[in-house]
């Protein structure tokens, strides 16, 4: 069986890093991925794909990416379900990231240290 996804898109908001009860870093992001055609109004539509990032990938993405950052994600599609507060079963389909590539470059505040005029490494 094959379950492999590759996406390139923009983050719809700043990533928020959280920790599981076991202390594992996790971030949930939504990636806006443009479609390759225009609708009947001549506009390019986008799909908004929920993605889950774990461990160091989640930490690095939260530290170095912001709303509008272009990133590439490779991973797999996963489905899960849970019961909401009203007792109704909710189904979620998401991409679980295996790798993330930062395609926008370094965030503005990490490009250089104005006091020393040196570049600051981000990795």
PDB file of N, CA and C in Angstrom:
ATOM      1  N   UNK A   1       0.829  -1.176   0.000  1.00  0.00           N
ATOM      2  CA  UNK A   1       0.000   0.000   0.000  1.00  0.00           C
ATOM      3  C   UNK A   1       0.884   1.254   0.000  1.00  0.00           C
ATOM      4  N   UNK A   2       0.373   2.313  -0.606  1.00  0.00           N
ATOM      5  CA  UNK A   2       1.101   3.584  -0.647  1.00  0.00           C
ATOM      6  C   UNK A   2       0.235   4.672  -0.044  1.00  0.00           C
ATOM      7  N   UNK A   3       0.794   5.434   0.857  1.00  0.00           N
ATOM      8  CA  UNK A   3       0.117   6.577   1.457  1.00  0.00           C
ATOM      9  C   UNK A   3       1.164   7.670   1.585  1.00  0.00           C
ATOM     10  N   UNK A   4       1.318   8.464   0.523  1.00  0.00           N
ATOM     11  CA  UNK A   4       2.340   9.501   0.502  1.00  0.00           C
ATOM     12  C   UNK A   4       1.760  10.774  -0.098  1.00  0.00           C
ATOM     13  N   UNK A   5       2.025  11.906   0.560  1.00  0.00           N
ATOM     14  CA  UNK A   5       1.505  13.202   0.144  1.00  0.00           C
ATOM     15  C   UNK A   5       2.651  14.196   0.073  1.00  0.00           C
ATOM     16  N   UNK A   6       2.636  15.043  -0.951  1.00  0.00           N
ATOM     17  CA  UNK A   6       3.571  16.156  -1.053  1.00  0.00           C
ATOM     18  C   UNK A   6       2.757  17.413  -1.311  1.00  0.00           C
ATOM     19  N   UNK A   7       2.917  18.424  -0.465  1.00  0.00           N
ATOM     20  CA  UNK A   7       2.176  19.676  -0.581  1.00  0.00           C
ATOM     21  C   UNK A   7       3.138  20.851  -0.497  1.00  0.00           C
ATOM     22  N   UNK A   8       2.836  21.904  -1.241  1.00  0.00           N
ATOM     23  CA  UNK A   8       3.529  23.180  -1.097  1.00  0.00           C
ATOM     24  C   UNK A   8       2.447  24.238  -1.001  1.00  0.00           C
ATOM     25  N   UNK A   9       2.504  25.041   0.061  1.00  0.00           N
ATOM     26  CA  UNK A   9       1.502  26.079   0.243  1.00  0.00           C
ATOM     27  C   UNK A   9       1.928  27.076   1.299  1.00  0.00           C
ATOM     28  N   UNK A  10       0.979  27.946   1.644  1.00  0.00           N
ATOM     29  CA  UNK A  10       1.236  28.999   2.646  1.00  0.00           C
ATOM     30  C   UNK A  10       0.516  28.687   3.942  1.00  0.00           C
ATOM     31  N   UNK A  11       1.181  28.993   5.055  1.00  0.00           N
ATOM     32  CA  UNK A  11       0.543  28.836   6.362  1.00  0.00           C
ATOM     33  C   UNK A  11      -0.555  29.884   6.514  1.00  0.00           C
ATOM     34  N   UNK A  12      -1.708  29.477   7.009  1.00  0.00           N
ATOM     35  CA  UNK A  12      -2.833  30.402   7.160  1.00  0.00           C
ATOM     36  C   UNK A  12      -2.756  31.207   8.446  1.00  0.00           C
ATOM     37  N   UNK A  13      -1.916  30.771   9.396  1.00  0.00           N
ATOM     38  CA  UNK A  13      -1.684  31.536  10.627  1.00  0.00           C
ATOM     39  C   UNK A  13      -0.365  31.084  11.226  1.00  0.00           C
ATOM     40  N   UNK A  14       0.116  31.813  12.215  1.00  0.00           N
ATOM     41  CA  UNK A  14       1.360  31.436  12.887  1.00  0.00           C
ATOM     42  C   UNK A  14       1.198  30.055  13.528  1.00  0.00           C
ATOM     43  N   UNK A  15       2.193  29.178  13.380  1.00  0.00           N
ATOM     44  CA  UNK A  15       2.119  27.875  14.051  1.00  0.00           C
ATOM     45  C   UNK A  15       2.173  28.048  15.564  1.00  0.00           C
ATOM     46  N   UNK A  16       1.400  27.255  16.266  1.00  0.00           N
ATOM     47  CA  UNK A  16       1.421  27.272  17.731  1.00  0.00           C
ATOM     48  C   UNK A  16       1.937  25.932  18.220  1.00  0.00           C
ATOM     49  N   UNK A  17       3.021  25.982  18.960  1.00  0.00           N
ATOM     50  CA  UNK A  17       3.623  24.766  19.501  1.00  0.00           C
ATOM     51  C   UNK A  17       2.924  24.400  20.804  1.00  0.00           C
ATOM     52  N   UNK A  18       2.551  23.139  20.914  1.00  0.00           N
ATOM     53  CA  UNK A  18       1.933  22.624  22.141  1.00  0.00           C
ATOM     54  C   UNK A  18       2.697  21.380  22.553  1.00  0.00           C
ATOM     55  N   UNK A  19       2.441  20.934  23.754  1.00  0.00           N
ATOM     56  CA  UNK A  19       3.043  19.704  24.259  1.00  0.00           C
ATOM     57  C   UNK A  19       1.931  18.722  24.614  1.00  0.00           C
ATOM     58  N   UNK A  20       2.147  17.451  24.297  1.00  0.00           N
ATOM     59  CA  UNK A  20       1.201  16.429  24.731  1.00  0.00           C
ATOM     60  C   UNK A  20       1.364  16.232  26.235  1.00  0.00           C
ATOM     61  N   UNK A  21       0.490  15.449  26.829  1.00  0.00           N
ATOM     62  CA  UNK A  21       0.609  15.189  28.271  1.00  0.00           C
ATOM     63  C   UNK A  21       1.905  14.454  28.595  1.00  0.00           C
ATOM     64  N   UNK A  22       2.476  13.756  27.590  1.00  0.00           N
ATOM     65  CA  UNK A  22       3.756  13.067  27.776  1.00  0.00           C
ATOM     66  C   UNK A  22       4.944  13.981  27.517  1.00  0.00           C
ATOM     67  N   UNK A  23       4.702  15.230  27.087  1.00  0.00           N
ATOM     68  CA  UNK A  23       5.787  16.174  26.842  1.00  0.00           C
ATOM     69  C   UNK A  23       6.317  16.182  25.416  1.00  0.00           C
ATOM     70  N   UNK A  24       5.598  15.575  24.479  1.00  0.00           N
ATOM     71  CA  UNK A  24       6.020  15.547  23.076  1.00  0.00           C
ATOM     72  C   UNK A  24       5.537  16.799  22.369  1.00  0.00           C
ATOM     73  N   UNK A  25       6.428  17.533  21.694  1.00  0.00           N
ATOM     74  CA  UNK A  25       6.008  18.733  20.961  1.00  0.00           C
ATOM     75  C   UNK A  25       5.126  18.367  19.763  1.00  0.00           C
ATOM     76  N   UNK A  26       4.062  19.169  19.556  1.00  0.00           N
ATOM     77  CA  UNK A  26       3.158  18.970  18.429  1.00  0.00           C
ATOM     78  C   UNK A  26       2.639  20.331  17.972  1.00  0.00           C
ATOM     79  N   UNK A  27       2.447  20.470  16.670  1.00  0.00           N
ATOM     80  CA  UNK A  27       1.856  21.692  16.114  1.00  0.00           C
ATOM     81  C   UNK A  27       0.844  21.274  15.048  1.00  0.00           C
ATOM     82  N   UNK A  28      -0.311  21.906  15.077  1.00  0.00           N
ATOM     83  CA  UNK A  28      -1.323  21.715  14.050  1.00  0.00           C
ATOM     84  C   UNK A  28      -1.343  22.989  13.215  1.00  0.00           C
ATOM     85  N   UNK A  29      -1.180  22.836  11.900  1.00  0.00           N
ATOM     86  CA  UNK A  29      -1.181  23.984  11.001  1.00  0.00           C
ATOM     87  C   UNK A  29      -2.162  23.711   9.870  1.00  0.00           C
ATOM     88  N   UNK A  30      -2.588  24.796   9.232  1.00  0.00           N
ATOM     89  CA  UNK A  30      -3.413  24.684   8.036  1.00  0.00           C
ATOM     90  C   UNK A  30      -2.614  25.281   6.891  1.00  0.00           C
ATOM     91  N   UNK A  31      -2.489  24.507   5.828  1.00  0.00           N
ATOM     92  CA  UNK A  31      -1.720  24.910   4.653  1.00  0.00           C
ATOM     93  C   UNK A  31      -2.682  25.238   3.520  1.00  0.00           C
ATOM     94  N   UNK A  32      -2.593  26.468   2.999  1.00  0.00           N
ATOM     95  CA  UNK A  32      -3.410  26.879   1.850  1.00  0.00           C
ATOM     96  C   UNK A  32      -2.642  26.509   0.584  1.00  0.00           C
ATOM     97  N   UNK A  33      -3.224  25.611  -0.194  1.00  0.00           N
ATOM     98  CA  UNK A  33      -2.580  25.103  -1.405  1.00  0.00           C
ATOM     99  C   UNK A  33      -3.429  25.513  -2.603  1.00  0.00           C
ATOM    100  N   UNK A  34      -2.850  26.340  -3.484  1.00  0.00           N
ATOM    101  CA  UNK A  34      -3.587  26.803  -4.659  1.00  0.00           C
ATOM    102  C   UNK A  34      -3.877  25.657  -5.609  1.00  0.00           C
ATOM    103  N   UNK A  35      -5.055  25.720  -6.235  1.00  0.00           N
ATOM    104  CA  UNK A  35      -5.398  24.762  -7.283  1.00  0.00           C
ATOM    105  C   UNK A  35      -4.751  25.207  -8.585  1.00  0.00           C
ATOM    106  N   UNK A  36      -4.648  24.304  -9.542  1.00  0.00           N
ATOM    107  CA  UNK A  36      -3.941  24.584 -10.796  1.00  0.00           C
ATOM    108  C   UNK A  36      -4.864  25.077 -11.900  1.00  0.00           C
ATOM    109  N   UNK A  37      -6.044  25.556 -11.541  1.00  0.00           N
ATOM    110  CA  UNK A  37      -6.976  26.062 -12.551  1.00  0.00           C
ATOM    111  C   UNK A  37      -7.802  27.185 -11.944  1.00  0.00           C
ATOM    112  N   UNK A  38      -8.467  27.934 -12.790  1.00  0.00           N
ATOM    113  CA  UNK A  38      -9.315  29.042 -12.338  1.00  0.00           C
ATOM    114  C   UNK A  38     -10.778  28.598 -12.355  1.00  0.00           C
ATOM    115  N   UNK A  39     -11.569  29.151 -11.441  1.00  0.00           N
ATOM    116  CA  UNK A  39     -12.999  28.836 -11.414  1.00  0.00           C
ATOM    117  C   UNK A  39     -13.722  29.637 -12.497  1.00  0.00           C
ATOM    118  N   UNK A  40     -15.041  29.550 -12.553  1.00  0.00           N
ATOM    119  CA  UNK A  40     -15.795  30.224 -13.612  1.00  0.00           C
ATOM    120  C   UNK A  40     -15.772  31.744 -13.481  1.00  0.00           C
ATOM    121  N   UNK A  41     -15.283  32.278 -12.359  1.00  0.00           N
ATOM    122  CA  UNK A  41     -15.116  33.730 -12.184  1.00  0.00           C
ATOM    123  C   UNK A  41     -13.683  34.172 -12.511  1.00  0.00           C
ATOM    124  N   UNK A  42     -12.840  33.225 -12.921  1.00  0.00           N
ATOM    125  CA  UNK A  42     -11.459  33.539 -13.256  1.00  0.00           C
ATOM    126  C   UNK A  42     -10.526  33.615 -12.057  1.00  0.00           C
ATOM    127  N   UNK A  43     -10.994  33.151 -10.892  1.00  0.00           N
ATOM    128  CA  UNK A  43     -10.190  33.214  -9.675  1.00  0.00           C
ATOM    129  C   UNK A  43      -9.531  31.863  -9.404  1.00  0.00           C
ATOM    130  N   UNK A  44      -8.348  31.929  -8.817  1.00  0.00           N
ATOM    131  CA  UNK A  44      -7.673  30.702  -8.387  1.00  0.00           C
ATOM    132  C   UNK A  44      -8.143  30.380  -6.977  1.00  0.00           C
ATOM    133  N   UNK A  45      -8.690  29.185  -6.804  1.00  0.00           N
ATOM    134  CA  UNK A  45      -9.150  28.760  -5.489  1.00  0.00           C
ATOM    135  C   UNK A  45      -8.033  28.003  -4.779  1.00  0.00           C
ATOM    136  N   UNK A  46      -8.214  27.799  -3.495  1.00  0.00           N
ATOM    137  CA  UNK A  46      -7.217  27.072  -2.707  1.00  0.00           C
ATOM    138  C   UNK A  46      -7.918  26.023  -1.860  1.00  0.00           C
ATOM    139  N   UNK A  47      -7.195  24.979  -1.553  1.00  0.00           N
ATOM    140  CA  UNK A  47      -7.642  23.983  -0.584  1.00  0.00           C
ATOM    141  C   UNK A  47      -6.905  24.266   0.713  1.00  0.00           C
ATOM    142  N   UNK A  48      -7.595  24.093   1.821  1.00  0.00           N
ATOM    143  CA  UNK A  48      -7.022  24.345   3.132  1.00  0.00           C
ATOM    144  C   UNK A  48      -6.857  22.997   3.826  1.00  0.00           C
ATOM    145  N   UNK A  49      -5.599  22.566   3.929  1.00  0.00           N
ATOM    146  CA  UNK A  49      -5.288  21.213   4.372  1.00  0.00           C
ATOM    147  C   UNK A  49      -4.751  21.246   5.800  1.00  0.00           C
ATOM    148  N   UNK A  50      -5.389  20.483   6.673  1.00  0.00           N
ATOM    149  CA  UNK A  50      -4.918  20.378   8.054  1.00  0.00           C
ATOM    150  C   UNK A  50      -3.713  19.453   8.097  1.00  0.00           C
ATOM    151  N   UNK A  51      -2.655  19.905   8.795  1.00  0.00           N
ATOM    152  CA  UNK A  51      -1.423  19.132   8.904  1.00  0.00           C
ATOM    153  C   UNK A  51      -0.988  19.077  10.361  1.00  0.00           C
ATOM    154  N   UNK A  52      -0.438  17.940  10.761  1.00  0.00           N
ATOM    155  CA  UNK A  52       0.080  17.768  12.107  1.00  0.00           C
ATOM    156  C   UNK A  52       1.581  17.524  12.027  1.00  0.00           C
ATOM    157  N   UNK A  53       2.326  18.283  12.825  1.00  0.00           N
ATOM    158  CA  UNK A  53       3.780  18.181  12.865  1.00  0.00           C
ATOM    159  C   UNK A  53       4.181  17.717  14.263  1.00  0.00           C
ATOM    160  N   UNK A  54       5.163  16.855  14.340  1.00  0.00           N
ATOM    161  CA  UNK A  54       5.585  16.308  15.618  1.00  0.00           C
ATOM    162  C   UNK A  54       7.052  16.619  15.898  1.00  0.00           C
ATOM    163  N   UNK A  55       7.393  16.604  17.161  1.00  0.00           N
ATOM    164  CA  UNK A  55       8.749  16.666  17.702  1.00  0.00           C
ATOM    165  C   UNK A  55       9.553  17.848  17.151  1.00  0.00           C
ATOM    166  N   UNK A  56      10.773  17.591  16.677  1.00  0.00           N
ATOM    167  CA  UNK A  56      11.666  18.678  16.244  1.00  0.00           C
ATOM    168  C   UNK A  56      11.089  19.421  15.036  1.00  0.00           C
ATOM    169  N   UNK A  57      10.372  18.718  14.181  1.00  0.00           N
ATOM    170  CA  UNK A  57       9.728  19.363  13.035  1.00  0.00           C
ATOM    171  C   UNK A  57       8.732  20.411  13.515  1.00  0.00           C
ATOM    172  N   UNK A  58       7.954  20.083  14.522  1.00  0.00           N
ATOM    173  CA  UNK A  58       6.987  21.031  15.096  1.00  0.00           C
ATOM    174  C   UNK A  58       7.712  22.213  15.739  1.00  0.00           C
ATOM    175  N   UNK A  59       8.774  21.940  16.490  1.00  0.00           N
ATOM    176  CA  UNK A  59       9.520  23.005  17.161  1.00  0.00           C
ATOM    177  C   UNK A  59      10.144  23.972  16.153  1.00  0.00           C
ATOM    178  N   UNK A  60      10.805  23.440  15.141  1.00  0.00           N
ATOM    179  CA  UNK A  60      11.459  24.295  14.143  1.00  0.00           C
ATOM    180  C   UNK A  60      10.448  25.116  13.350  1.00  0.00           C
ATOM    181  N   UNK A  61       9.349  24.503  12.965  1.00  0.00           N
ATOM    182  CA  UNK A  61       8.329  25.221  12.198  1.00  0.00           C
ATOM    183  C   UNK A  61       7.734  26.343  13.026  1.00  0.00           C
ATOM    184  N   UNK A  62       7.440  26.085  14.296  1.00  0.00           N
ATOM    185  CA  UNK A  62       6.886  27.127  15.169  1.00  0.00           C
ATOM    186  C   UNK A  62       7.888  28.257  15.376  1.00  0.00           C
ATOM    187  N   UNK A  63       9.168  27.932  15.408  1.00  0.00           N
ATOM    188  CA  UNK A  63      10.192  28.949  15.664  1.00  0.00           C
ATOM    189  C   UNK A  63      10.487  29.796  14.426  1.00  0.00           C
ATOM    190  N   UNK A  64      10.499  29.195  13.239  1.00  0.00           N
ATOM    191  CA  UNK A  64      11.004  29.889  12.064  1.00  0.00           C
ATOM    192  C   UNK A  64       9.960  30.254  11.011  1.00  0.00           C
ATOM    193  N   UNK A  65       8.724  29.848  11.183  1.00  0.00           N
ATOM    194  CA  UNK A  65       7.693  30.145  10.185  1.00  0.00           C
ATOM    195  C   UNK A  65       6.588  30.998  10.788  1.00  0.00           C
ATOM    196  N   UNK A  66       5.970  31.799   9.948  1.00  0.00           N
ATOM    197  CA  UNK A  66       4.873  32.687  10.351  1.00  0.00           C
ATOM    198  C   UNK A  66       3.746  32.566   9.337  1.00  0.00           C
ATOM    199  N   UNK A  67       2.636  33.190   9.651  1.00  0.00           N
ATOM    200  CA  UNK A  67       1.512  33.245   8.723  1.00  0.00           C
ATOM    201  C   UNK A  67       2.022  33.734   7.367  1.00  0.00           C
ATOM    202  N   UNK A  68       1.657  33.043   6.303  1.00  0.00           N
ATOM    203  CA  UNK A  68       2.077  33.409   4.962  1.00  0.00           C
ATOM    204  C   UNK A  68       3.364  32.753   4.505  1.00  0.00           C
ATOM    205  N   UNK A  69       4.102  32.117   5.411  1.00  0.00           N
ATOM    206  CA  UNK A  69       5.330  31.418   5.016  1.00  0.00           C
ATOM    207  C   UNK A  69       4.987  30.290   4.054  1.00  0.00           C
ATOM    208  N   UNK A  70       5.821  30.153   3.024  1.00  0.00           N
ATOM    209  CA  UNK A  70       5.648  29.042   2.087  1.00  0.00           C
ATOM    210  C   UNK A  70       6.475  27.873   2.602  1.00  0.00           C
ATOM    211  N   UNK A  71       5.813  26.722   2.763  1.00  0.00           N
ATOM    212  CA  UNK A  71       6.513  25.519   3.208  1.00  0.00           C
ATOM    213  C   UNK A  71       6.108  24.349   2.318  1.00  0.00           C
ATOM    214  N   UNK A  72       6.992  23.374   2.256  1.00  0.00           N
ATOM    215  CA  UNK A  72       6.708  22.119   1.585  1.00  0.00           C
ATOM    216  C   UNK A  72       6.619  21.025   2.630  1.00  0.00           C
ATOM    217  N   UNK A  73       5.609  20.188   2.518  1.00  0.00           N
ATOM    218  CA  UNK A  73       5.409  19.098   3.472  1.00  0.00           C
ATOM    219  C   UNK A  73       5.328  17.791   2.700  1.00  0.00           C
ATOM    220  N   UNK A  74       6.062  16.794   3.166  1.00  0.00           N
ATOM    221  CA  UNK A  74       5.834  15.430   2.710  1.00  0.00           C
ATOM    222  C   UNK A  74       5.378  14.637   3.920  1.00  0.00           C
ATOM    223  N   UNK A  75       4.448  13.749   3.690  1.00  0.00           N
ATOM    224  CA  UNK A  75       3.917  12.971   4.797  1.00  0.00           C
ATOM    225  C   UNK A  75       2.879  11.976   4.321  1.00  0.00           C
ATOM    226  N   UNK A  76       1.940  11.673   5.212  1.00  0.00           N
ATOM    227  CA  UNK A  76       0.904  10.695   4.906  1.00  0.00           C
ATOM    228  C   UNK A  76      -0.453  11.197   5.367  1.00  0.00           C
ATOM    229  N   UNK A  77      -1.489  10.726   4.713  1.00  0.00           N
ATOM    230  CA  UNK A  77      -2.854  11.067   5.125  1.00  0.00           C
ATOM    231  C   UNK A  77      -3.258  10.128   6.243  1.00  0.00           C
ATOM    232  N   UNK A  78      -3.884  10.709   7.245  1.00  0.00           N
ATOM    233  CA  UNK A  78      -4.342   9.914   8.383  1.00  0.00           C
ATOM    234  C   UNK A  78      -5.742  10.372   8.760  1.00  0.00           C
ATOM    235  N   UNK A  79      -6.577   9.438   9.154  1.00  0.00           N
ATOM    236  CA  UNK A  79      -7.913   9.781   9.641  1.00  0.00           C
ATOM    237  C   UNK A  79      -8.015   9.369  11.099  1.00  0.00           C
ATOM    238  N   UNK A  80      -8.784  10.141  11.836  1.00  0.00           N
ATOM    239  CA  UNK A  80      -9.035   9.835  13.251  1.00  0.00           C
ATOM    240  C   UNK A  80     -10.414  10.341  13.600  1.00  0.00           C
ATOM    241  N   UNK A  81     -10.906   9.937  14.730  1.00  0.00           N
ATOM    242  CA  UNK A  81     -12.201  10.441  15.181  1.00  0.00           C
ATOM    243  C   UNK A  81     -12.188  10.599  16.687  1.00  0.00           C
ATOM    244  N   UNK A  82     -13.087  11.442  17.152  1.00  0.00           N
ATOM    245  CA  UNK A  82     -13.244  11.666  18.590  1.00  0.00           C
ATOM    246  C   UNK A  82     -14.686  12.077  18.845  1.00  0.00           C
ATOM    247  N   UNK A  83     -15.060  12.056  20.100  1.00  0.00           N
ATOM    248  CA  UNK A  83     -16.399  12.460  20.490  1.00  0.00           C
ATOM    249  C   UNK A  83     -16.344  13.880  21.036  1.00  0.00           C
ATOM    250  N   UNK A  84     -17.164  14.779  20.466  1.00  0.00           N
ATOM    251  CA  UNK A  84     -17.141  16.172  20.920  1.00  0.00           C
ATOM    252  C   UNK A  84     -17.969  16.343  22.194  1.00  0.00           C
ATOM    253  N   UNK A  85     -18.085  17.584  22.660  1.00  0.00           N
ATOM    254  CA  UNK A  85     -18.764  17.861  23.926  1.00  0.00           C
ATOM    255  C   UNK A  85     -20.245  17.503  23.896  1.00  0.00           C
ATOM    256  N   UNK A  86     -20.837  17.507  22.702  1.00  0.00           N
ATOM    257  CA  UNK A  86     -22.252  17.145  22.568  1.00  0.00           C
ATOM    258  C   UNK A  86     -22.446  15.639  22.416  1.00  0.00           C
ATOM    259  N   UNK A  87     -21.352  14.874  22.458  1.00  0.00           N
ATOM    260  CA  UNK A  87     -21.434  13.429  22.324  1.00  0.00           C
ATOM    261  C   UNK A  87     -21.488  12.950  20.882  1.00  0.00           C
ATOM    262  N   UNK A  88     -21.258  13.847  19.933  1.00  0.00           N
ATOM    263  CA  UNK A  88     -21.302  13.488  18.516  1.00  0.00           C
ATOM    264  C   UNK A  88     -19.899  13.096  18.050  1.00  0.00           C
ATOM    265  N   UNK A  89     -19.806  12.038  17.246  1.00  0.00           N
ATOM    266  CA  UNK A  89     -18.525  11.588  16.728  1.00  0.00           C
ATOM    267  C   UNK A  89     -18.077  12.525  15.607  1.00  0.00           C
ATOM    268  N   UNK A  90     -16.829  13.027  15.708  1.00  0.00           N
ATOM    269  CA  UNK A  90     -16.257  13.936  14.723  1.00  0.00           C
ATOM    270  C   UNK A  90     -15.102  13.207  14.031  1.00  0.00           C
ATOM    271  N   UNK A  91     -15.099  13.253  12.699  1.00  0.00           N
ATOM    272  CA  UNK A  91     -14.046  12.613  11.907  1.00  0.00           C
ATOM    273  C   UNK A  91     -13.105  13.683  11.361  1.00  0.00           C
ATOM    274  N   UNK A  92     -11.819  13.398  11.423  1.00  0.00           N
ATOM    275  CA  UNK A  92     -10.802  14.337  10.962  1.00  0.00           C
ATOM    276  C   UNK A  92      -9.885  13.612   9.974  1.00  0.00           C
ATOM    277  N   UNK A  93      -9.643  14.241   8.830  1.00  0.00           N
ATOM    278  CA  UNK A  93      -8.647  13.756   7.875  1.00  0.00           C
ATOM    279  C   UNK A  93      -7.554  14.811   7.821  1.00  0.00           C
ATOM    280  N   UNK A  94      -6.305  14.395   8.000  1.00  0.00           N
ATOM    281  CA  UNK A  94      -5.199  15.334   8.070  1.00  0.00           C
ATOM    282  C   UNK A  94      -3.953  14.715   7.450  1.00  0.00           C
ATOM    283  N   UNK A  95      -2.971  15.568   7.192  1.00  0.00           N
ATOM    284  CA  UNK A  95      -1.665  15.106   6.740  1.00  0.00           C
ATOM    285  C   UNK A  95      -0.735  15.111   7.946  1.00  0.00           C
ATOM    286  N   UNK A  96      -0.124  13.977   8.219  1.00  0.00           N
ATOM    287  CA  UNK A  96       0.887  13.888   9.269  1.00  0.00           C
ATOM    288  C   UNK A  96       2.237  14.052   8.582  1.00  0.00           C
ATOM    289  N   UNK A  97       2.921  15.144   8.917  1.00  0.00           N
ATOM    290  CA  UNK A  97       4.167  15.497   8.238  1.00  0.00           C
ATOM    291  C   UNK A  97       5.308  14.590   8.669  1.00  0.00           C
ATOM    292  N   UNK A  98       6.083  14.160   7.685  1.00  0.00           N
ATOM    293  CA  UNK A  98       7.317  13.443   7.957  1.00  0.00           C
ATOM    294  C   UNK A  98       8.504  14.377   7.773  1.00  0.00           C
ATOM    295  N   UNK A  99       8.416  15.270   6.764  1.00  0.00           N
ATOM    296  CA  UNK A  99       9.447  16.296   6.574  1.00  0.00           C
ATOM    297  C   UNK A  99       8.776  17.609   6.209  1.00  0.00           C
ATOM    298  N   UNK A 100       9.415  18.700   6.617  1.00  0.00           N
ATOM    299  CA  UNK A 100       8.950  20.041   6.272  1.00  0.00           C
ATOM    300  C   UNK A 100      10.146  20.819   5.733  1.00  0.00           C
ATOM    301  N   UNK A 101       9.939  21.491   4.608  1.00  0.00           N
ATOM    302  CA  UNK A 101      10.972  22.358   4.026  1.00  0.00           C
ATOM    303  C   UNK A 101      10.481  23.791   4.082  1.00  0.00           C
ATOM    304  N   UNK A 102      11.337  24.687   4.554  1.00  0.00           N
ATOM    305  CA  UNK A 102      10.997  26.106   4.604  1.00  0.00           C
ATOM    306  C   UNK A 102      11.403  26.722   3.278  1.00  0.00           C
ATOM    307  N   UNK A 103      10.451  27.226   2.518  1.00  0.00           N
ATOM    308  CA  UNK A 103      10.715  27.715   1.169  1.00  0.00           C
ATOM    309  C   UNK A 103      10.696  29.235   1.063  1.00  0.00           C
ATOM    310  N   UNK A 104      10.294  29.935   2.120  1.00  0.00           N
ATOM    311  CA  UNK A 104      10.213  31.395   2.095  1.00  0.00           C
ATOM    312  C   UNK A 104      11.518  32.070   2.474  1.00  0.00           C
ATOM    313  N   UNK A 105      12.479  31.331   2.925  1.00  0.00           N
ATOM    314  CA  UNK A 105      13.692  31.952   3.457  1.00  0.00           C
ATOM    315  C   UNK A 105      13.540  32.174   4.944  1.00  0.00           C
ATOM    316  N   UNK A 106      14.548  32.799   5.524  1.00  0.00           N
ATOM    317  CA  UNK A 106      14.543  33.035   6.966  1.00  0.00           C
ATOM    318  C   UNK A 106      13.550  34.130   7.320  1.00  0.00           C
ATOM    319  N   UNK A 107      12.921  34.029   8.512  1.00  0.00           N
ATOM    320  CA  UNK A 107      12.069  35.137   8.954  1.00  0.00           C
ATOM    321  C   UNK A 107      12.904  36.407   9.093  1.00  0.00           C
ATOM    322  N   UNK A 108      12.286  37.552   8.932  1.00  0.00           N
ATOM    323  CA  UNK A 108      12.998  38.834   8.942  1.00  0.00           C
ATOM    324  C   UNK A 108      13.844  39.016  10.192  1.00  0.00           C
ATOM    325  N   UNK A 109      13.288  38.668  11.373  1.00  0.00           N
ATOM    326  CA  UNK A 109      14.022  38.908  12.607  1.00  0.00           C
ATOM    327  C   UNK A 109      15.207  37.963  12.786  1.00  0.00           C
ATOM    328  N   UNK A 110      15.306  36.882  12.002  1.00  0.00           N
ATOM    329  CA  UNK A 110      16.412  35.941  12.159  1.00  0.00           C
ATOM    330  C   UNK A 110      17.477  36.119  11.087  1.00  0.00           C
ATOM    331  N   UNK A 111      17.316  37.092  10.195  1.00  0.00           N
ATOM    332  CA  UNK A 111      18.262  37.241   9.095  1.00  0.00           C
ATOM    333  C   UNK A 111      19.614  37.760   9.565  1.00  0.00           C
ATOM    334  N   UNK A 112      19.635  38.769  10.416  1.00  0.00           N
ATOM    335  CA  UNK A 112      20.921  39.275  10.874  1.00  0.00           C
ATOM    336  C   UNK A 112      20.757  39.962  12.217  1.00  0.00           C
ATOM    337  N   UNK A 113      21.862  40.073  12.913  1.00  0.00           N
ATOM    338  CA  UNK A 113      21.901  40.770  14.186  1.00  0.00           C
ATOM    339  C   UNK A 113      22.421  42.178  13.902  1.00  0.00           C
ATOM    340  N   UNK A 114      21.560  43.204  14.040  1.00  0.00           N
ATOM    341  CA  UNK A 114      21.994  44.554  13.689  1.00  0.00           C
ATOM    342  C   UNK A 114      23.178  45.051  14.522  1.00  0.00           C
ATOM    343  N   UNK A 115      23.347  44.529  15.720  1.00  0.00           N
ATOM    344  CA  UNK A 115      24.451  44.974  16.582  1.00  0.00           C
ATOM    345  C   UNK A 115      25.798  44.500  16.057  1.00  0.00           C
ATOM    346  N   UNK A 116      25.840  43.301  15.459  1.00  0.00           N
ATOM    347  CA  UNK A 116      27.111  42.739  15.006  1.00  0.00           C
ATOM    348  C   UNK A 116      27.217  42.651  13.501  1.00  0.00           C
ATOM    349  N   UNK A 117      26.108  42.885  12.804  1.00  0.00           N
ATOM    350  CA  UNK A 117      26.049  42.786  11.328  1.00  0.00           C
ATOM    351  C   UNK A 117      26.395  41.383  10.843  1.00  0.00           C
ATOM    352  N   UNK A 118      26.158  40.376  11.696  1.00  0.00           N
ATOM    353  CA  UNK A 118      26.439  38.989  11.309  1.00  0.00           C
ATOM    354  C   UNK A 118      25.130  38.251  11.105  1.00  0.00           C
ATOM    355  N   UNK A 119      25.196  37.242  10.239  1.00  0.00           N
ATOM    356  CA  UNK A 119      24.033  36.386  10.060  1.00  0.00           C
ATOM    357  C   UNK A 119      23.914  35.447  11.245  1.00  0.00           C
ATOM    358  N   UNK A 120      22.683  35.194  11.630  1.00  0.00           N
ATOM    359  CA  UNK A 120      22.416  34.288  12.742  1.00  0.00           C
ATOM    360  C   UNK A 120      21.989  32.949  12.152  1.00  0.00           C
ATOM    361  N   UNK A 121      22.637  31.864  12.490  1.00  0.00           N
ATOM    362  CA  UNK A 121      22.212  30.565  11.963  1.00  0.00           C
ATOM    363  C   UNK A 121      20.854  30.178  12.536  1.00  0.00           C
ATOM    364  N   UNK A 122      20.012  29.568  11.708  1.00  0.00           N
ATOM    365  CA  UNK A 122      18.690  29.172  12.192  1.00  0.00           C
ATOM    366  C   UNK A 122      18.581  27.688  12.441  1.00  0.00           C
ATOM    367  N   UNK A 123      19.544  26.897  12.109  1.00  0.00           N
ATOM    368  CA  UNK A 123      19.427  25.445  12.261  1.00  0.00           C
ATOM    369  C   UNK A 123      20.286  24.954  13.277  1.00  0.00           C
TER     370      UNK A 123
END
